[in-house]
Amino acid sequence: MQHFEIRPATAEDCPDLFDVHRQSVRSLCNGHYTSEQIDMWLDGRHPGIYLPAIERRELWVAVSSGALLGLVEVQGNEVTKLFVSGAAAGAGVGKALLGQAIAHIRQAGERRIYLESTLTGRDFYRKLGFAEIGTGTFSHGPGTVSLEIVQMELHVD
């Protein structure tokens, strides 16, 4: 993987954020979730969903040669989104984005970082020191389809 940089997301990034988000879910999560679950997860999403986090200055992107490779979003002490394109998976992009999120949360004075991981991401977060504290389900929209998630936390100094 070539060099990448992490920078705050801008409104102009929204179409690319949306593309990477969808592509990441479809290409990386299909080993743990069915097509029906993935369709539910992405249903009704649109490029504008990132604007509130951009306005809060709590969304960052990894870019290389103008291409968006991944994104991370936080709200309070929670990492709410971390998605990396399939092509960038395993190249340190996710780890770097998570590091940015953790630094931001710590700078705000928080010492407990919370997230809800997919089954796909569980081992990634474990390797970076997160501990499982529970399980749950995620559903989106009017249907009855849901997917299993893992609640995790990291305590930092």
N, C-alpha and C. Protein backbone atom coordinates (compact mmCIF):
# COMPACT_ATOMS: atom_id res chain seq x y z
N MET A 1 0.86 -1.18 0.00
CA MET A 1 0.00 0.00 0.00
C MET A 1 0.89 1.23 0.00
N GLN A 2 0.54 2.17 -0.82
CA GLN A 2 1.30 3.40 -0.88
C GLN A 2 1.01 4.26 0.35
N HIS A 3 1.76 5.31 0.50
CA HIS A 3 1.61 6.24 1.62
C HIS A 3 0.20 6.84 1.59
N PHE A 4 -0.34 7.05 2.78
CA PHE A 4 -1.64 7.71 2.89
C PHE A 4 -1.55 8.75 4.00
N GLU A 5 -2.47 9.68 3.96
CA GLU A 5 -2.56 10.69 5.01
C GLU A 5 -3.96 10.67 5.60
N ILE A 6 -4.05 11.10 6.84
CA ILE A 6 -5.35 11.22 7.50
C ILE A 6 -5.63 12.70 7.67
N ARG A 7 -6.84 13.09 7.30
CA ARG A 7 -7.25 14.49 7.41
C ARG A 7 -8.72 14.55 7.78
N PRO A 8 -9.17 15.70 8.31
CA PRO A 8 -10.60 15.85 8.58
C PRO A 8 -11.40 15.74 7.28
N ALA A 9 -12.55 15.11 7.37
CA ALA A 9 -13.44 15.01 6.21
C ALA A 9 -14.09 16.36 5.94
N THR A 10 -14.44 16.58 4.69
CA THR A 10 -15.16 17.79 4.29
C THR A 10 -16.46 17.38 3.59
N ALA A 11 -17.35 18.33 3.43
CA ALA A 11 -18.62 18.05 2.75
C ALA A 11 -18.38 17.53 1.34
N GLU A 12 -17.31 17.98 0.71
CA GLU A 12 -17.01 17.53 -0.65
C GLU A 12 -16.65 16.04 -0.69
N ASP A 13 -16.28 15.48 0.45
CA ASP A 13 -15.94 14.05 0.52
C ASP A 13 -17.16 13.14 0.56
N CYS A 14 -18.34 13.69 0.81
CA CYS A 14 -19.52 12.85 1.07
C CYS A 14 -19.78 11.77 0.01
N PRO A 15 -19.73 12.06 -1.28
CA PRO A 15 -19.96 10.98 -2.25
C PRO A 15 -18.93 9.85 -2.13
N ASP A 16 -17.66 10.20 -1.92
CA ASP A 16 -16.62 9.18 -1.78
C ASP A 16 -16.75 8.44 -0.45
N LEU A 17 -17.13 9.14 0.61
CA LEU A 17 -17.38 8.49 1.90
C LEU A 17 -18.45 7.42 1.73
N PHE A 18 -19.52 7.80 1.06
CA PHE A 18 -20.63 6.88 0.84
C PHE A 18 -20.19 5.66 0.04
N ASP A 19 -19.41 5.89 -1.01
CA ASP A 19 -18.93 4.77 -1.83
C ASP A 19 -18.03 3.83 -1.04
N VAL A 20 -17.08 4.37 -0.28
CA VAL A 20 -16.18 3.52 0.51
C VAL A 20 -16.96 2.77 1.59
N HIS A 21 -17.88 3.45 2.25
CA HIS A 21 -18.71 2.83 3.28
C HIS A 21 -19.44 1.61 2.71
N ARG A 22 -20.15 1.82 1.61
CA ARG A 22 -20.91 0.71 1.00
C ARG A 22 -19.99 -0.39 0.50
N GLN A 23 -18.92 -0.02 -0.17
CA GLN A 23 -18.00 -1.02 -0.72
C GLN A 23 -17.36 -1.83 0.39
N SER A 24 -17.00 -1.18 1.49
CA SER A 24 -16.40 -1.86 2.63
C SER A 24 -17.35 -2.90 3.20
N VAL A 25 -18.58 -2.50 3.44
CA VAL A 25 -19.57 -3.43 4.00
C VAL A 25 -19.79 -4.60 3.06
N ARG A 26 -19.97 -4.31 1.79
CA ARG A 26 -20.27 -5.39 0.83
C ARG A 26 -19.08 -6.34 0.62
N SER A 27 -17.86 -5.81 0.60
CA SER A 27 -16.72 -6.67 0.29
C SER A 27 -16.09 -7.32 1.51
N LEU A 28 -16.15 -6.67 2.66
CA LEU A 28 -15.45 -7.20 3.83
C LEU A 28 -16.35 -7.94 4.82
N CYS A 29 -17.64 -7.65 4.81
CA CYS A 29 -18.53 -8.23 5.82
C CYS A 29 -19.33 -9.41 5.32
N ASN A 30 -19.18 -9.76 4.05
CA ASN A 30 -20.01 -10.83 3.48
C ASN A 30 -19.65 -12.21 4.00
N GLY A 31 -18.55 -12.35 4.72
CA GLY A 31 -18.22 -13.64 5.31
C GLY A 31 -18.94 -13.90 6.62
N HIS A 32 -19.46 -12.84 7.24
CA HIS A 32 -20.15 -12.98 8.53
C HIS A 32 -21.64 -12.68 8.45
N TYR A 33 -22.07 -12.03 7.39
CA TYR A 33 -23.47 -11.62 7.28
C TYR A 33 -24.02 -11.99 5.91
N THR A 34 -25.32 -12.24 5.87
CA THR A 34 -25.98 -12.62 4.62
C THR A 34 -26.20 -11.38 3.74
N SER A 35 -26.51 -11.62 2.49
CA SER A 35 -26.85 -10.51 1.58
C SER A 35 -28.04 -9.73 2.11
N GLU A 36 -29.01 -10.43 2.68
CA GLU A 36 -30.19 -9.78 3.23
C GLU A 36 -29.81 -8.85 4.39
N GLN A 37 -28.91 -9.30 5.26
CA GLN A 37 -28.46 -8.47 6.37
C GLN A 37 -27.70 -7.24 5.87
N ILE A 38 -26.84 -7.44 4.90
CA ILE A 38 -26.07 -6.32 4.35
C ILE A 38 -26.99 -5.32 3.65
N ASP A 39 -27.97 -5.80 2.92
CA ASP A 39 -28.92 -4.90 2.27
C ASP A 39 -29.67 -4.07 3.30
N MET A 40 -30.09 -4.70 4.42
CA MET A 40 -30.78 -3.97 5.49
C MET A 40 -29.86 -2.90 6.06
N TRP A 41 -28.62 -3.26 6.31
CA TRP A 41 -27.64 -2.36 6.90
C TRP A 41 -27.48 -1.09 6.06
N LEU A 42 -27.46 -1.25 4.75
CA LEU A 42 -27.20 -0.13 3.86
C LEU A 42 -28.46 0.57 3.36
N ASP A 43 -29.62 0.00 3.61
CA ASP A 43 -30.88 0.53 3.11
C ASP A 43 -31.13 1.96 3.60
N GLY A 44 -31.50 2.82 2.69
CA GLY A 44 -31.86 4.18 3.04
C GLY A 44 -30.68 5.11 3.31
N ARG A 45 -29.49 4.61 3.20
CA ARG A 45 -28.31 5.46 3.43
C ARG A 45 -28.10 6.36 2.22
N HIS A 46 -27.49 7.50 2.45
CA HIS A 46 -27.22 8.45 1.37
C HIS A 46 -25.99 9.26 1.74
N PRO A 47 -25.37 9.94 0.79
CA PRO A 47 -24.13 10.67 1.08
C PRO A 47 -24.25 11.74 2.16
N GLY A 48 -25.44 12.26 2.40
CA GLY A 48 -25.61 13.31 3.41
C GLY A 48 -25.51 12.84 4.85
N ILE A 49 -25.49 11.53 5.08
CA ILE A 49 -25.46 11.04 6.48
C ILE A 49 -24.18 11.43 7.21
N TYR A 50 -23.16 11.82 6.50
CA TYR A 50 -21.87 12.15 7.12
C TYR A 50 -21.78 13.62 7.55
N LEU A 51 -22.69 14.45 7.08
CA LEU A 51 -22.58 15.89 7.33
C LEU A 51 -22.60 16.27 8.81
N PRO A 52 -23.46 15.69 9.65
CA PRO A 52 -23.42 16.08 11.07
C PRO A 52 -22.05 15.84 11.71
N ALA A 53 -21.42 14.71 11.43
CA ALA A 53 -20.10 14.43 12.00
C ALA A 53 -19.04 15.36 11.42
N ILE A 54 -19.16 15.69 10.14
CA ILE A 54 -18.23 16.64 9.52
C ILE A 54 -18.35 18.00 10.21
N GLU A 55 -19.58 18.42 10.45
CA GLU A 55 -19.81 19.71 11.11
C GLU A 55 -19.30 19.70 12.55
N ARG A 56 -19.38 18.56 13.23
CA ARG A 56 -18.84 18.43 14.60
C ARG A 56 -17.32 18.29 14.61
N ARG A 57 -16.74 18.10 13.43
CA ARG A 57 -15.30 17.84 13.28
C ARG A 57 -14.91 16.53 13.96
N GLU A 58 -15.74 15.51 13.73
CA GLU A 58 -15.51 14.20 14.32
C GLU A 58 -15.53 13.10 13.26
N LEU A 59 -15.09 13.43 12.06
CA LEU A 59 -14.99 12.45 10.98
C LEU A 59 -13.69 12.72 10.22
N TRP A 60 -12.89 11.66 10.07
CA TRP A 60 -11.61 11.76 9.37
C TRP A 60 -11.56 10.74 8.25
N VAL A 61 -10.74 11.04 7.27
CA VAL A 61 -10.57 10.14 6.13
C VAL A 61 -9.09 9.85 5.94
N ALA A 62 -8.82 8.69 5.39
CA ALA A 62 -7.47 8.33 4.93
C ALA A 62 -7.50 8.45 3.41
N VAL A 63 -6.53 9.17 2.87
CA VAL A 63 -6.47 9.37 1.42
C VAL A 63 -5.06 9.10 0.90
N SER A 64 -5.01 8.63 -0.32
CA SER A 64 -3.74 8.39 -1.00
C SER A 64 -3.91 8.78 -2.46
N SER A 65 -3.07 9.67 -2.93
CA SER A 65 -3.13 10.13 -4.32
C SER A 65 -4.54 10.54 -4.72
N GLY A 66 -5.23 11.22 -3.81
CA GLY A 66 -6.57 11.70 -4.08
C GLY A 66 -7.68 10.69 -3.90
N ALA A 67 -7.35 9.43 -3.66
CA ALA A 67 -8.36 8.38 -3.48
C ALA A 67 -8.65 8.19 -2.00
N LEU A 68 -9.92 8.13 -1.66
CA LEU A 68 -10.33 7.91 -0.28
C LEU A 68 -10.24 6.41 0.02
N LEU A 69 -9.49 6.06 1.07
CA LEU A 69 -9.26 4.66 1.43
C LEU A 69 -10.10 4.20 2.60
N GLY A 70 -10.51 5.13 3.46
CA GLY A 70 -11.26 4.75 4.64
C GLY A 70 -11.73 5.95 5.41
N LEU A 71 -12.54 5.69 6.44
CA LEU A 71 -13.12 6.75 7.25
C LEU A 71 -13.30 6.27 8.67
N VAL A 72 -13.27 7.22 9.60
CA VAL A 72 -13.58 6.94 11.00
C VAL A 72 -14.38 8.11 11.54
N GLU A 73 -15.41 7.79 12.33
CA GLU A 73 -16.28 8.80 12.93
C GLU A 73 -16.40 8.52 14.41
N VAL A 74 -16.42 9.59 15.21
CA VAL A 74 -16.66 9.45 16.64
C VAL A 74 -17.80 10.36 17.05
N GLN A 75 -18.39 10.03 18.19
CA GLN A 75 -19.36 10.91 18.83
C GLN A 75 -19.22 10.69 20.32
N GLY A 76 -18.77 11.74 21.01
CA GLY A 76 -18.47 11.59 22.43
C GLY A 76 -17.32 10.62 22.60
N ASN A 77 -17.54 9.59 23.44
CA ASN A 77 -16.48 8.60 23.66
C ASN A 77 -16.66 7.35 22.81
N GLU A 78 -17.52 7.43 21.80
CA GLU A 78 -17.81 6.25 20.98
C GLU A 78 -17.25 6.40 19.56
N VAL A 79 -16.61 5.33 19.10
CA VAL A 79 -16.24 5.22 17.70
C VAL A 79 -17.48 4.67 17.00
N THR A 80 -18.13 5.49 16.19
CA THR A 80 -19.40 5.10 15.58
C THR A 80 -19.27 4.50 14.19
N LYS A 81 -18.18 4.81 13.50
CA LYS A 81 -17.95 4.24 12.17
C LYS A 81 -16.45 4.07 11.96
N LEU A 82 -16.08 2.94 11.40
CA LEU A 82 -14.72 2.71 10.91
C LEU A 82 -14.85 1.78 9.72
N PHE A 83 -14.61 2.31 8.54
CA PHE A 83 -14.73 1.53 7.31
C PHE A 83 -13.52 1.80 6.43
N VAL A 84 -13.00 0.72 5.87
CA VAL A 84 -11.84 0.78 4.99
C VAL A 84 -12.21 0.07 3.70
N SER A 85 -11.78 0.61 2.58
CA SER A 85 -12.05 -0.05 1.30
C SER A 85 -11.41 -1.42 1.29
N GLY A 86 -12.00 -2.33 0.54
CA GLY A 86 -11.45 -3.68 0.45
C GLY A 86 -10.01 -3.67 -0.02
N ALA A 87 -9.67 -2.77 -0.93
CA ALA A 87 -8.31 -2.70 -1.46
C ALA A 87 -7.31 -2.24 -0.41
N ALA A 88 -7.77 -1.50 0.60
CA ALA A 88 -6.87 -0.98 1.64
C ALA A 88 -6.87 -1.84 2.90
N ALA A 89 -7.71 -2.86 2.94
CA ALA A 89 -7.80 -3.71 4.13
C ALA A 89 -6.46 -4.41 4.38
N GLY A 90 -6.05 -4.41 5.64
CA GLY A 90 -4.81 -5.08 6.01
C GLY A 90 -3.55 -4.27 5.78
N ALA A 91 -3.69 -3.02 5.34
CA ALA A 91 -2.52 -2.19 5.02
C ALA A 91 -2.23 -1.14 6.08
N GLY A 92 -2.88 -1.21 7.23
CA GLY A 92 -2.64 -0.25 8.30
C GLY A 92 -3.54 0.97 8.28
N VAL A 93 -4.42 1.06 7.31
CA VAL A 93 -5.31 2.21 7.20
C VAL A 93 -6.30 2.23 8.36
N GLY A 94 -6.93 1.11 8.64
CA GLY A 94 -7.89 1.04 9.74
C GLY A 94 -7.23 1.34 11.08
N LYS A 95 -6.06 0.79 11.30
CA LYS A 95 -5.33 1.03 12.55
C LYS A 95 -4.99 2.51 12.71
N ALA A 96 -4.55 3.15 11.64
CA ALA A 96 -4.22 4.58 11.69
C ALA A 96 -5.47 5.43 11.94
N LEU A 97 -6.56 5.09 11.27
CA LEU A 97 -7.81 5.83 11.49
C LEU A 97 -8.30 5.66 12.92
N LEU A 98 -8.24 4.44 13.44
CA LEU A 98 -8.66 4.20 14.82
C LEU A 98 -7.76 4.99 15.78
N GLY A 99 -6.47 5.04 15.50
CA GLY A 99 -5.55 5.83 16.32
C GLY A 99 -5.95 7.30 16.36
N GLN A 100 -6.37 7.84 15.23
CA GLN A 100 -6.85 9.22 15.17
C GLN A 100 -8.08 9.39 16.05
N ALA A 101 -9.01 8.46 15.97
CA ALA A 101 -10.23 8.53 16.77
C ALA A 101 -9.91 8.47 18.26
N ILE A 102 -9.04 7.55 18.65
CA ILE A 102 -8.68 7.40 20.06
C ILE A 102 -8.01 8.67 20.56
N ALA A 103 -7.11 9.23 19.79
CA ALA A 103 -6.43 10.47 20.19
C ALA A 103 -7.44 11.60 20.39
N HIS A 104 -8.41 11.70 19.50
CA HIS A 104 -9.43 12.75 19.62
C HIS A 104 -10.26 12.55 20.89
N ILE A 105 -10.67 11.33 21.14
CA ILE A 105 -11.48 11.04 22.34
C ILE A 105 -10.67 11.32 23.60
N ARG A 106 -9.42 10.90 23.63
CA ARG A 106 -8.56 11.16 24.79
C ARG A 106 -8.36 12.66 25.00
N GLN A 107 -8.16 13.39 23.93
CA GLN A 107 -7.97 14.83 24.04
C GLN A 107 -9.19 15.51 24.65
N ALA A 108 -10.35 14.93 24.44
CA ALA A 108 -11.59 15.46 25.01
C ALA A 108 -11.73 15.09 26.49
N GLY A 109 -10.77 14.34 27.02
CA GLY A 109 -10.79 13.99 28.44
C GLY A 109 -11.41 12.66 28.78
N GLU A 110 -11.83 11.93 27.78
CA GLU A 110 -12.44 10.61 28.02
C GLU A 110 -11.34 9.57 28.24
N ARG A 111 -11.61 8.62 29.11
CA ARG A 111 -10.66 7.55 29.37
C ARG A 111 -11.22 6.17 29.02
N ARG A 112 -12.50 6.13 28.67
CA ARG A 112 -13.13 4.88 28.23
C ARG A 112 -13.63 5.11 26.82
N ILE A 113 -13.20 4.25 25.91
CA ILE A 113 -13.61 4.35 24.51
C ILE A 113 -14.51 3.16 24.22
N TYR A 114 -15.66 3.43 23.66
CA TYR A 114 -16.68 2.41 23.41
C TYR A 114 -16.91 2.29 21.92
N LEU A 115 -17.25 1.08 21.48
CA LEU A 115 -17.68 0.87 20.10
C LEU A 115 -18.52 -0.39 20.01
N GLU A 116 -19.28 -0.46 18.96
CA GLU A 116 -20.05 -1.66 18.63
C GLU A 116 -19.47 -2.20 17.33
N SER A 117 -18.85 -3.36 17.43
CA SER A 117 -18.16 -3.95 16.30
C SER A 117 -19.03 -4.96 15.58
N THR A 118 -18.79 -5.07 14.29
CA THR A 118 -19.34 -6.20 13.55
C THR A 118 -18.56 -7.44 13.95
N LEU A 119 -19.09 -8.59 13.60
CA LEU A 119 -18.33 -9.83 13.80
C LEU A 119 -17.06 -9.79 12.97
N THR A 120 -17.12 -9.14 11.83
CA THR A 120 -15.97 -9.01 10.94
C THR A 120 -14.82 -8.26 11.62
N GLY A 121 -15.13 -7.21 12.35
CA GLY A 121 -14.10 -6.37 12.95
C GLY A 121 -13.64 -6.77 14.33
N ARG A 122 -14.31 -7.73 14.95
CA ARG A 122 -14.02 -8.09 16.34
C ARG A 122 -12.53 -8.38 16.58
N ASP A 123 -11.93 -9.25 15.79
CA ASP A 123 -10.52 -9.60 16.00
C ASP A 123 -9.59 -8.41 15.80
N PHE A 124 -9.91 -7.56 14.85
CA PHE A 124 -9.13 -6.34 14.62
C PHE A 124 -9.08 -5.51 15.90
N TYR A 125 -10.23 -5.27 16.51
CA TYR A 125 -10.28 -4.46 17.72
C TYR A 125 -9.61 -5.16 18.90
N ARG A 126 -9.78 -6.46 19.01
CA ARG A 126 -9.11 -7.21 20.08
C ARG A 126 -7.60 -7.02 20.01
N LYS A 127 -7.06 -7.13 18.81
CA LYS A 127 -5.60 -6.99 18.63
C LYS A 127 -5.11 -5.61 19.06
N LEU A 128 -5.99 -4.64 19.04
CA LEU A 128 -5.62 -3.28 19.41
C LEU A 128 -6.00 -2.94 20.85
N GLY A 129 -6.34 -3.96 21.64
CA GLY A 129 -6.56 -3.77 23.06
C GLY A 129 -8.00 -3.63 23.53
N PHE A 130 -8.95 -3.66 22.63
CA PHE A 130 -10.35 -3.57 23.03
C PHE A 130 -10.81 -4.89 23.64
N ALA A 131 -11.67 -4.79 24.65
CA ALA A 131 -12.22 -5.98 25.31
C ALA A 131 -13.72 -6.05 25.04
N GLU A 132 -14.21 -7.26 24.87
CA GLU A 132 -15.65 -7.45 24.69
C GLU A 132 -16.36 -7.25 26.02
N ILE A 133 -17.46 -6.51 25.99
CA ILE A 133 -18.24 -6.30 27.20
C ILE A 133 -19.70 -6.74 27.03
N GLY A 134 -20.06 -7.18 25.84
CA GLY A 134 -21.42 -7.64 25.61
C GLY A 134 -21.67 -7.89 24.14
N THR A 135 -22.87 -8.33 23.86
CA THR A 135 -23.30 -8.53 22.49
C THR A 135 -24.65 -7.86 22.30
N GLY A 136 -25.05 -7.71 21.07
CA GLY A 136 -26.32 -7.10 20.77
C GLY A 136 -26.68 -7.33 19.33
N THR A 137 -27.69 -6.63 18.87
CA THR A 137 -28.09 -6.71 17.48
C THR A 137 -28.27 -5.29 16.93
N PHE A 138 -28.11 -5.18 15.64
CA PHE A 138 -28.31 -3.93 14.93
C PHE A 138 -29.38 -4.16 13.89
N SER A 139 -30.34 -3.25 13.81
CA SER A 139 -31.32 -3.29 12.73
C SER A 139 -31.55 -1.86 12.26
N HIS A 140 -31.97 -1.74 11.04
CA HIS A 140 -32.13 -0.43 10.41
C HIS A 140 -33.33 -0.53 9.49
N GLY A 141 -34.25 0.40 9.63
CA GLY A 141 -35.41 0.39 8.75
C GLY A 141 -36.55 -0.42 9.33
N PRO A 142 -37.60 -0.60 8.53
CA PRO A 142 -38.83 -1.21 9.03
C PRO A 142 -38.85 -2.73 9.08
N GLY A 143 -37.89 -3.41 8.50
CA GLY A 143 -37.93 -4.87 8.43
C GLY A 143 -37.57 -5.55 9.73
N THR A 144 -37.56 -6.87 9.68
CA THR A 144 -37.25 -7.68 10.86
C THR A 144 -35.84 -8.25 10.82
N VAL A 145 -35.07 -7.89 9.82
CA VAL A 145 -33.71 -8.39 9.68
C VAL A 145 -32.79 -7.64 10.65
N SER A 146 -31.88 -8.36 11.28
CA SER A 146 -30.90 -7.73 12.16
C SER A 146 -29.57 -8.45 11.99
N LEU A 147 -28.53 -7.86 12.57
CA LEU A 147 -27.24 -8.53 12.54
C LEU A 147 -26.60 -8.44 13.92
N GLU A 148 -25.82 -9.45 14.24
CA GLU A 148 -25.17 -9.53 15.54
C GLU A 148 -23.99 -8.57 15.59
N ILE A 149 -23.86 -7.90 16.73
CA ILE A 149 -22.73 -7.01 16.96
C ILE A 149 -22.07 -7.36 18.29
N VAL A 150 -20.88 -6.85 18.49
CA VAL A 150 -20.13 -7.07 19.72
C VAL A 150 -19.83 -5.70 20.33
N GLN A 151 -20.23 -5.52 21.59
CA GLN A 151 -19.94 -4.28 22.31
C GLN A 151 -18.55 -4.39 22.91
N MET A 152 -17.73 -3.37 22.69
CA MET A 152 -16.33 -3.42 23.12
C MET A 152 -15.92 -2.09 23.74
N GLU A 153 -14.88 -2.16 24.58
CA GLU A 153 -14.36 -0.94 25.17
C GLU A 153 -12.85 -1.03 25.33
N LEU A 154 -12.26 0.14 25.43
CA LEU A 154 -10.83 0.27 25.66
C LEU A 154 -10.65 1.35 26.72
N HIS A 155 -9.87 1.04 27.74
CA HIS A 155 -9.54 2.04 28.76
C HIS A 155 -8.16 2.59 28.45
N VAL A 156 -8.05 3.91 28.45
CA VAL A 156 -6.78 4.57 28.13
C VAL A 156 -6.40 5.50 29.28
N ASP A 157 -5.12 5.78 29.39
CA ASP A 157 -4.63 6.69 30.44
C ASP A 157 -4.83 8.12 30.03
